[in-house]
Structure formats: structure tokens, C-alpha cells
Protein backbone atom coordinates (compact mmCIF):
# COMPACT_ATOMS: atom_id res chain seq x y z
CA MET A 1 6.94 205.18 127.03
CA LYS A 2 6.92 201.39 127.31
CA SER A 3 5.21 199.45 124.53
CA LYS A 4 2.86 197.79 127.05
CA ASP A 5 1.40 201.23 127.81
CA LEU A 6 0.42 201.77 124.15
CA VAL A 7 -2.87 200.64 122.60
CA LYS A 8 -3.98 199.89 119.04
CA THR A 9 -7.45 201.42 119.41
CA ILE A 10 -8.87 203.94 121.82
CA ASP A 11 -12.37 202.44 122.14
CA ASP A 12 -11.90 200.38 125.33
CA MET A 13 -9.71 203.00 126.97
CA ARG A 14 -12.18 205.74 126.06
CA GLU A 15 -14.96 204.08 128.04
CA LEU A 16 -12.63 203.31 130.94
CA ILE A 17 -11.37 206.90 131.15
CA ARG A 18 -14.92 208.24 131.08
CA HIS A 19 -15.91 205.73 133.77
CA VAL A 20 -12.99 206.50 136.07
CA TYR A 21 -13.15 210.28 135.53
CA VAL A 22 -16.93 210.65 135.91
CA ASN A 23 -17.72 207.90 138.43
CA GLY A 24 -14.43 207.12 140.15
CA PHE A 25 -13.82 205.47 143.49
CA GLU A 26 -14.65 201.99 142.24
CA SER A 27 -12.65 198.79 142.27
CA LYS A 28 -11.62 197.07 139.05
CA THR A 29 -14.26 194.36 139.57
CA GLU A 30 -16.96 197.00 139.94
CA ILE A 31 -15.81 198.75 136.77
CA SER A 32 -15.83 195.53 134.72
CA PRO A 33 -16.76 192.37 136.69
CA LYS A 34 -16.18 190.01 133.74
CA LYS A 35 -12.86 191.52 132.62
CA SER A 36 -11.09 192.46 135.85
CA ASP A 37 -7.67 191.29 134.60
CA MET A 38 -7.87 193.42 131.45
CA THR A 39 -9.26 196.33 133.48
CA SER A 40 -6.28 196.05 135.84
CA LYS A 41 -3.85 196.32 132.90
CA ASN A 42 -5.71 199.31 131.50
CA LEU A 43 -5.81 201.04 134.88
CA ASN A 44 -2.03 200.66 135.03
CA ARG A 45 -1.88 202.35 131.63
CA LEU A 46 -3.85 205.28 133.01
CA LYS A 47 -1.17 205.81 135.65
CA THR A 48 1.41 206.29 132.89
CA TRP A 49 -0.85 208.37 130.67
CA PHE A 50 -2.12 210.88 133.23
CA GLY A 51 0.59 210.92 135.88
CA ASP A 52 -0.32 213.10 138.86
CA TYR A 53 -3.93 213.43 137.70
CA TYR A 54 -4.55 209.73 138.34
CA GLU A 55 -4.79 208.23 141.80
CA ALA A 56 -4.30 204.49 141.89
CA ALA A 57 -6.19 201.96 143.95
CA SER A 58 -5.86 202.01 147.71
CA LYS A 59 -5.67 198.92 149.91
CA SER A 60 -9.43 198.60 149.71
CA GLY A 61 -9.27 198.88 145.92
CA LYS A 62 -11.84 201.68 145.96
CA SER A 63 -9.77 204.64 144.85
CA ASN A 64 -9.41 204.49 141.06
CA HIS A 65 -10.11 208.02 139.91
CA ILE A 66 -8.86 210.91 137.80
CA ILE A 67 -8.91 214.36 139.41
CA ILE A 68 -8.55 217.38 137.13
CA ASP A 69 -9.35 220.94 138.18
CA GLY A 70 -10.00 222.73 134.90
CA ARG A 71 -9.34 226.11 136.50
CA ASN A 72 -5.72 225.24 137.22
CA ILE A 73 -4.64 223.74 133.91
CA SER A 74 -3.95 225.32 130.54
CA HIS A 75 -4.20 222.11 128.46
CA ASN A 76 -6.57 219.15 128.60
CA PRO A 77 -4.61 216.09 129.81
CA LEU A 78 -7.22 213.71 128.38
CA TYR A 79 -5.75 214.37 124.91
CA ASN A 80 -2.92 212.07 125.99
CA ALA A 81 -5.19 209.11 125.26
CA TYR A 82 -4.83 209.77 121.53
CA LYS A 83 -1.06 210.00 121.77
CA MET A 84 -0.59 206.45 123.02
CA LYS A 85 -1.37 204.56 119.82
CA SER A 86 0.94 201.70 119.00
CA PHE A 87 2.11 200.60 115.57
CA ASN A 88 0.95 197.22 114.26
CA THR A 89 4.39 195.63 114.55
CA ALA A 90 7.67 196.41 116.28
CA ASN A 91 9.27 197.43 112.97
CA ARG A 92 6.39 199.58 111.68
CA ILE A 93 7.45 202.67 113.61
CA GLU A 94 11.01 202.34 112.23
CA ILE A 95 9.59 202.08 108.69
CA HIS A 96 7.65 205.26 109.35
CA PHE A 97 10.72 207.27 110.32
CA GLN A 98 12.87 205.84 107.51
CA LEU A 99 10.16 206.72 104.99
CA ILE A 100 9.93 210.30 106.25
CA ASP A 101 13.73 210.54 106.31
CA CYS A 102 13.89 209.43 102.68
CA LEU A 103 11.47 212.18 101.63
CA SER A 104 12.94 214.86 103.90
CA ASP A 105 15.07 216.31 101.09
CA GLY A 106 11.89 217.83 99.62
CA LYS A 107 12.42 216.17 96.24
CA GLU A 108 10.07 213.89 94.32
CA HIS A 109 10.91 210.17 94.51
CA VAL A 110 9.62 207.14 92.63
CA PHE A 111 8.50 204.16 94.65
CA GLN A 112 11.58 202.07 93.80
CA GLU A 113 13.85 204.71 95.35
CA ILE A 114 11.84 204.75 98.57
CA GLU A 115 11.71 200.96 98.75
CA GLU A 116 15.44 200.63 98.23
CA TYR A 117 16.22 203.34 100.80
CA ILE A 118 14.18 201.59 103.49
CA ALA A 119 15.33 198.06 102.58
CA ASN A 120 18.99 199.08 103.00
CA ARG A 121 18.28 200.19 106.56
CA ILE A 122 15.70 197.70 107.80
CA LYS A 123 16.09 193.94 107.42
CA SER A 124 12.67 192.57 108.17
CA GLU A 125 9.80 190.69 106.55
CA ASP A 126 7.55 193.54 107.72
CA CYS A 127 9.36 195.83 105.31
CA SER A 128 7.57 194.62 102.18
CA ALA A 129 6.50 196.64 99.16
CA SER A 130 2.83 196.26 100.11
CA VAL A 131 3.48 197.66 103.60
CA ILE A 132 5.34 200.67 102.20
CA ARG A 133 2.63 201.30 99.58
CA SER A 134 -0.01 201.10 102.30
CA LEU A 135 1.82 203.69 104.40
CA LEU A 136 2.28 205.99 101.41
CA SER A 137 -1.40 205.74 100.58
CA HIS A 138 -2.40 206.46 104.18
CA TYR A 139 -0.05 209.42 104.51
CA SER A 140 -1.38 210.82 101.25
CA LYS A 141 -4.94 210.71 102.60
CA ILE A 142 -4.00 212.60 105.75
CA GLY A 143 -1.97 215.17 103.81
CA LEU A 144 1.49 214.19 105.00
CA ILE A 145 2.79 213.53 101.48
CA ASN A 146 1.78 214.48 97.94
CA ILE A 147 1.43 211.92 95.16
CA THR A 148 1.60 213.02 91.52
CA LYS A 149 1.31 210.92 88.39
CA LYS A 150 4.34 211.10 86.10
CA ASP A 151 2.99 208.75 83.44
CA ASN A 152 0.59 205.82 83.18
CA LYS A 153 2.76 203.57 85.34
CA THR A 154 4.89 205.89 87.46
CA PHE A 155 3.93 207.89 90.53
CA LEU A 156 6.07 210.50 92.30
CA TYR A 157 6.06 210.89 96.08
CA GLN A 158 7.02 214.10 97.88
CA LEU A 159 6.78 215.31 101.47
CA SER A 160 4.13 218.01 101.82
CA ASN A 161 5.44 221.53 102.17
CA ASP A 162 5.20 222.88 105.71
CA ASP A 163 6.10 226.55 105.83
CA VAL A 164 3.64 227.65 108.52
CA ASN A 165 5.16 229.69 111.33
CA LEU A 166 3.37 228.04 114.27
CA SER A 167 4.89 230.43 116.78
CA ALA A 168 2.89 233.25 115.20
CA TRP A 169 -0.29 231.30 115.91
CA GLU A 170 0.67 230.37 119.47
CA ASP A 171 -2.17 232.17 121.29
CA ALA A 172 -4.79 231.01 118.80
CA ILE A 173 -3.67 227.38 119.06
CA ASN A 174 -3.53 227.54 122.87
CA PHE A 175 -7.08 228.88 122.99
CA PHE A 176 -8.86 226.86 120.32
CA SER A 177 -7.22 223.59 121.34
CA GLU A 178 -9.31 223.85 124.51
CA VAL A 179 -12.60 225.40 123.37
CA ALA A 180 -13.15 224.26 119.78
CA PRO A 181 -14.31 220.86 118.52
CA VAL A 182 -11.39 218.60 117.61
CA GLY A 183 -9.04 220.63 119.79
CA LEU A 184 -6.89 217.50 119.67
CA ILE A 185 -5.34 218.85 116.47
CA GLY A 186 -4.18 221.94 118.35
CA SER A 187 -2.82 219.72 121.11
CA PHE A 188 -0.66 217.85 118.60
CA LEU A 189 0.59 221.16 117.18
CA LEU A 190 1.51 222.33 120.67
CA ASP A 191 3.66 219.23 121.07
CA LYS A 192 5.99 220.56 118.38
CA GLU A 193 9.20 222.08 119.67
CA THR A 194 8.52 225.29 117.74
CA ILE A 195 5.83 226.30 120.26
CA GLU A 196 6.50 226.93 123.93
CA ASP A 197 3.90 226.16 126.58
CA THR A 198 3.18 229.75 127.56
CA SER A 199 -0.63 229.70 127.53
CA VAL A 200 -2.23 232.53 129.50
CA PHE A 201 -5.70 230.98 129.28
CA ARG A 202 -7.60 229.35 132.14
CA TYR A 203 -11.19 228.12 131.96
CA LYS A 204 -13.89 228.26 134.61
CA HIS A 205 -16.11 225.77 132.78
CA ASN A 206 -14.14 223.46 130.51
CA TYR A 207 -15.82 220.22 129.43
CA LEU A 208 -12.74 218.02 129.34
CA LEU A 209 -14.51 214.83 128.21
CA HIS A 210 -14.94 216.36 124.74
CA ALA A 211 -11.36 215.21 124.17
CA LEU A 212 -12.45 211.56 124.11
CA GLU A 213 -14.86 212.25 121.25
CA SER A 214 -12.34 213.94 118.96
CA HIS A 215 -12.14 211.14 116.38
CA VAL A 216 -15.94 210.95 116.12
CA VAL A 217 -16.37 214.72 115.79
CA TYR A 218 -13.61 214.96 113.18
CA SER A 219 -15.27 212.32 110.99
CA ALA A 220 -18.68 213.92 111.43
CA LEU A 221 -17.46 217.43 110.52
CA ASP A 222 -15.57 216.05 107.52
CA ALA A 223 -18.73 214.32 106.27
CA ILE A 224 -20.83 217.46 106.88
CA HIS A 225 -18.40 219.56 104.86
CA TYR A 226 -18.45 217.21 101.87
CA HIS A 227 -22.14 216.19 102.21
CA GLN A 228 -21.27 212.52 102.62
CA LYS A 229 -23.37 209.73 104.09
CA ILE A 230 -22.02 208.06 107.21
CA THR A 231 -22.39 204.75 109.01
CA ILE A 232 -22.59 205.26 112.77
CA HIS A 233 -21.30 202.50 115.05
CA PHE A 234 -22.47 202.81 118.66
CA THR A 235 -20.65 202.06 121.88
CA ASN A 236 -23.61 199.92 122.92
CA LYS A 237 -22.97 196.68 121.05
CA ASP A 238 -26.70 195.87 121.12
CA SER A 239 -27.50 198.94 119.01
CA SER A 240 -27.68 198.47 115.25
CA ASP A 241 -25.47 200.56 112.98
CA LEU A 242 -27.18 203.62 111.55
CA ILE A 243 -26.76 204.99 108.02
CA ALA A 244 -27.47 208.72 107.95
CA LEU A 245 -26.54 212.09 106.49
CA PRO A 246 -24.93 214.41 109.09
CA ILE A 247 -26.37 217.93 109.06
CA ARG A 248 -24.99 219.88 112.04
CA LEU A 249 -23.04 219.43 115.26
CA TYR A 250 -24.70 220.96 118.34
CA ILE A 251 -22.70 221.75 121.48
CA SER A 252 -24.46 222.67 124.73
CA ALA A 253 -22.81 225.59 126.51
CA GLN A 254 -24.93 224.74 129.54
CA ARG A 255 -24.15 221.06 130.06
CA GLY A 256 -21.28 220.45 127.66
CA TYR A 257 -22.99 217.64 125.72
CA MET A 258 -22.46 217.30 121.99
CA HIS A 259 -25.22 216.04 119.69
CA LEU A 260 -25.04 215.20 116.01
CA LEU A 261 -28.10 216.13 113.98
CA VAL A 262 -28.55 213.66 111.13
CA HIS A 263 -31.13 212.71 108.55
CA ASN A 264 -32.10 209.14 109.37
CA TYR A 265 -32.66 207.35 106.05
CA LYS A 266 -34.43 204.41 107.65
CA ASN A 267 -37.09 206.50 109.41
CA ASN A 268 -36.98 209.37 106.91
CA CYS A 269 -36.66 212.03 109.61
CA PHE A 270 -34.15 214.12 111.52
CA ASP A 271 -32.53 212.56 114.59
CA PHE A 272 -30.27 213.91 117.32
CA ILE A 273 -27.57 211.47 118.42
CA ARG A 274 -25.43 212.05 121.48
CA VAL A 275 -21.81 211.97 120.35
CA SER A 276 -20.63 210.15 123.46
CA SER A 277 -22.80 207.18 122.42
CA ILE A 278 -20.90 206.80 119.14
CA SER A 279 -17.91 204.46 118.95
CA TYR A 280 -16.74 205.51 115.48
CA ILE A 281 -18.00 206.69 112.10
CA ASP A 282 -17.41 205.32 108.60
CA ILE A 283 -17.66 207.89 105.81
CA ASN A 284 -19.46 206.82 102.64
CA ASP A 285 -20.38 208.38 99.29
CA ILE A 286 -21.77 211.87 98.70
CA ASP A 287 -25.56 212.09 98.90
CA PRO A 288 -26.78 213.64 95.60
CA ASP A 289 -29.91 214.86 97.40
CA TRP A 290 -28.10 216.63 100.24
CA GLN A 291 -29.50 220.05 99.24
CA GLU A 292 -33.03 218.78 99.82
CA TYR A 293 -32.17 217.80 103.40
CA GLU A 294 -30.28 221.05 103.96
CA SER A 295 -33.35 223.00 102.82
CA SER A 296 -35.53 221.01 105.22
CA TYR A 297 -33.11 221.79 108.03
CA GLN A 298 -33.23 225.54 107.27
CA THR A 299 -37.01 225.38 107.62
CA TYR A 300 -36.76 223.31 110.78
CA ALA A 301 -33.93 225.16 112.60
CA PRO A 302 -35.72 228.45 113.47
CA HIS A 303 -38.17 226.51 115.65
CA MET A 304 -35.58 224.56 117.64
CA TRP A 305 -34.69 225.30 121.24
CA GLY A 306 -32.84 222.19 122.39
CA VAL A 307 -32.23 218.76 120.91
CA HIS A 308 -35.76 217.38 121.25
CA TYR A 309 -38.51 217.66 118.71
CA ARG A 310 -41.68 216.02 117.46
CA LYS A 311 -41.57 213.52 114.66
CA ASP A 312 -44.51 215.24 112.93
CA TYR A 313 -42.70 218.62 113.13
CA THR A 314 -45.69 220.38 114.68
CA TYR A 315 -44.86 223.21 117.05
CA ASP A 316 -46.42 225.14 119.93
CA HIS A 317 -46.89 228.90 120.14
CA ILE A 318 -45.60 230.39 123.40
CA GLU A 319 -45.99 233.92 124.76
CA LEU A 320 -44.32 235.23 127.91
CA VAL A 321 -45.06 238.75 129.20
CA ILE A 322 -42.73 240.20 131.85
CA HIS A 323 -42.48 243.42 133.83
CA VAL A 324 -39.25 245.43 133.61
CA ALA A 325 -38.57 248.52 135.71
CA LYS A 326 -37.05 251.66 134.20
CA ASP A 327 -33.63 250.94 135.68
CA GLU A 328 -33.62 247.26 134.62
CA GLN A 329 -32.71 247.42 130.97
CA HIS A 330 -30.19 244.65 131.63
CA ILE A 331 -33.19 242.31 131.83
CA VAL A 332 -34.25 243.29 128.33
CA LYS A 333 -30.73 242.81 127.05
CA ARG A 334 -30.60 239.40 128.68
CA LEU A 335 -33.92 238.47 127.08
CA GLN A 336 -32.57 239.47 123.67
CA ARG A 337 -29.24 237.74 124.22
CA GLU A 338 -30.44 234.42 125.62
CA LYS A 339 -33.43 233.75 123.40
CA ARG A 340 -32.51 231.17 120.79
CA ASN A 341 -35.41 231.99 118.52
CA GLY A 342 -38.63 233.98 118.52
CA LEU A 343 -39.29 237.69 118.95
CA VAL A 344 -39.02 240.23 121.78
CA GLU A 345 -41.49 243.13 121.63
CA GLN A 346 -41.98 246.15 123.88
CA ILE A 347 -45.66 246.47 124.85
CA ASP A 348 -45.37 249.63 126.93
CA GLU A 349 -42.78 251.43 129.04
CA ASN A 350 -42.43 248.59 131.55
CA THR A 351 -43.79 245.55 129.71
CA TYR A 352 -42.08 243.22 127.24
CA LYS A 353 -43.39 240.16 125.43
CA TYR A 354 -41.37 237.19 124.20
CA SER A 355 -43.12 234.96 121.65
CA THR A 356 -41.94 231.93 119.72
CA ASP A 357 -43.08 228.87 117.80
CA THR A 358 -41.06 225.85 118.89
CA TYR A 359 -41.03 222.06 118.60
CA ASP A 360 -39.84 221.44 122.15
CA SER A 361 -41.82 223.75 124.42
CA HIS A 362 -40.94 221.85 127.57
CA GLU A 363 -37.25 222.57 126.97
CA LEU A 364 -37.94 226.30 127.46
CA PHE A 365 -39.36 225.91 130.95
CA PRO A 366 -36.07 226.07 132.92
CA TRP A 367 -35.14 229.30 131.13
CA LEU A 368 -38.63 230.82 131.45
CA ARG A 369 -38.59 230.13 135.21
CA THR A 370 -35.56 232.40 135.61
CA PHE A 371 -37.97 235.31 135.09
CA ILE A 372 -40.13 234.36 138.10
CA GLY A 373 -41.06 237.55 139.95
CA ARG A 374 -41.46 239.42 136.69
CA ILE A 375 -43.91 237.19 134.83
CA GLU A 376 -47.24 238.88 134.17
CA SER A 377 -48.62 236.19 131.89
CA PHE A 378 -47.69 232.94 130.20
CA THR A 379 -49.70 231.23 127.47
CA CYS A 380 -49.07 228.19 125.31
CA SER A 381 -51.12 226.72 122.49
CA ASN A 382 -50.49 223.34 124.15
CA LYS A 383 -52.81 223.72 127.14
CA LYS A 384 -51.38 220.67 128.92
CA LEU A 385 -47.95 222.30 128.97
CA GLU A 386 -49.42 225.64 130.00
CA LYS A 387 -51.17 223.96 132.94
CA LYS A 388 -47.97 222.12 133.83
CA PHE A 389 -46.06 225.43 133.92
CA TRP A 390 -48.52 227.04 136.33
CA ASP A 391 -48.90 223.86 138.43
CA GLU A 392 -45.14 223.77 138.96
CA LEU A 393 -45.15 227.41 140.07
CA ASP A 394 -48.04 226.71 142.46
CA GLU A 395 -46.11 223.76 143.88
CA LEU A 396 -43.07 225.98 144.33
CA LYS A 397 -45.20 228.60 146.08
CA ARG A 398 -46.67 225.97 148.44
CA MET A 399 -43.23 224.57 149.19
CA TYR A 400 -41.85 227.95 150.24
CA SER A 401 -45.00 229.02 152.08
CA ASP A 402 -45.04 225.95 154.38
CA GLY A 403 -44.43 226.95 157.92
CA GLU A 404 -45.35 230.59 157.45
């Protein structure tokens, strides 16, 4: 990999990949009219990163696109974007390997031993004590090394013990690297020589763009686990940063979108934020009142259907009555399985009622319509929405009855 194909941050490339993969078939000037030269360089990077999945510009310049058939691949190639990070200087990567080599004996070392070991092998101004201390501190935070205090002035550094047999976890890593949030971690594990690429999994619906949100999701889940406040920086530079407490991560199995549910301190309410709109997250201190917000969420969650709600937290009562024949118990099972909240009751031998109290009644409509042909009655405490439901069915009836 040539150094010119590496990048220091993923932000610009993340937006370009999303643009080329989702939109595609655009020239570099259409993608970014004001930065066509930089876009051209980044498009050349994509050729190296994604190989056969990327088709470069044609003579007309209208053929920049990434083609990936999720049914024919076992691993998400978009993870490659996170594996192209450059080091700050030309010598920094050499310092990294010398540092790891020094600690590879498994013993504890004082800082002076590490500094001397590296200095004897690298002659550069970049190899200063502050740089080495910075790397040690960073590697400690990510769990690569352990730091223990020997006395008031002396610290001991030791490479973290790694005795996990990754081969025994091969199937689990192959699967969860594709379907779980932050599957990027599994992708890095699969790059180790101890695991062979023998995945038997293929996916009919695999939302590959989740890969480009891995760093955001990781930070969000970390903050959720430790009940820490976060500062959200958006991809839209015109949007102000948001300080919030993350509560849950929601992933749509229908459309593949990810939304972060947070408590917005400024507006004193819950907010859903689409993860793809977030550039990065800074993690702050623990919120001492996190249990109060968690309790509010537990009260709020049973009435959620999608990721829309009312600021005043008032909800509508909905009742749907359907007819089910004796040999159609699969309909009842589907009703039980697909309802996200509420109650299913049997009225008589062939009649079932689904009832719920929800904040976002309109979000239920697409699902409720799948029972057309069986619906005996539909009522909603919000009469405007009830009328809208029946008006849409009448419009559908008129549309299909035209010409008869």
C-alpha cells in the first residue's frame, strides 16, 4: 500500500464512499464542484481500497461507482476504509513496531528501558520521549498494554496478555462481523493469520453502509455502557454540536438505518439522531443523574413503534380487529411476532383484536395495511389519523376499481 493511498482521518472519505456507493455514476465535478482536484485524488484512493468492487471513470467521466452484491460476499469490503489510516509521520509506524518488539518478551519494563531500546534503533527527532509516552498512554487506553505503578515516580509497562484461541471463535467472528454493530472489530480479528477465511455465511439483506459508522457506534455504545455524556459533532458543518446523554441504539431491520436515542440537555427531552448524520462523538464525564433518564426511558419505551414521537409524550389508542380463518393460525402468529408493543386478544373463534397505546400512530399504518382483506374494524383516539387511514383505503379502492 502506497503512502499516498492512506488517510489521517476517515471523515472526508466516509462521505465520498457513501456518495459513490449510493448515488454513483457521477463525475468528480458533480460529486464536489468546488474540490474536484481533491475528489480526483480520493477517487484514485478508492480504486486501491476496493479493487474490483470499484469502477473508475469512463471517457465521459460519468462512471464513478462501487458495485457490491451482498449475496455473493462473505465479508463487507467497506471495512477497508478503516484499515487505510496513516501515521502522523514517516517514522511513527517504525516507532510503533519497535515499541511492541521491546515489550514482546512479556516482561515489565520501565520507561527508560523502552526509550533506550527505541533510540538505539531509530535515529530521528520524531523519536522523542514525549512521542513515546504519548504512544504508551494511547495503547494503554485501548488495552494494548498494561501500566502499573511501582512507586511514586516509576511506572511499569507490559504488553497485554493475549491467550485467546481465535480459531475456536471462527464461525462466531465471521457471523457477527457482518450482522452486529461495530462488526469492524471482527473484521480486524479476521485479518489475523490465525483465522482462515472459510466463512459459510451469505446474506440476502446486508446493510453494508453500517461499516462507515463503526467509529460513531463504538463511541456511542461505550458511553451508554458507562452512562457518560457525549458531545455530538455532525457531518453538516452548519449544525451546532449537541451535548446529550446516549440511552439506546436503534437499528431498523426494515431499512437498515441506525438511530441514537439521547436525552437532549438543551431541550430537556428525548431525541432520535440518525447515526449517518454524525461525524464523530466526544465522550465526557459520567452523568450522576443517569438513572433518572433511564427510568424515564423505561416508561417511554413500551409506547414506541418507530423513531418518531411527540414532544409532550401524549399517545394515541389504536384498535385493529381482523378476521382469521380456522386454517390461518399463521396470521395470528405473525400478529404476535411482528407487533412491537400492545396486546393481541382473541374475541371469538375467527376474530382477533390488536390494541396499543403509541406515540407515533402514523408509523403503524404501513404494517396495519398488510392486513387489508382481513380488517373488520379500525379505530384510533386521534380521529384525524383514523380518517386518514380510511381515506387512503378508499383511494386505493378507487384506483383499482377504475376501468371496471
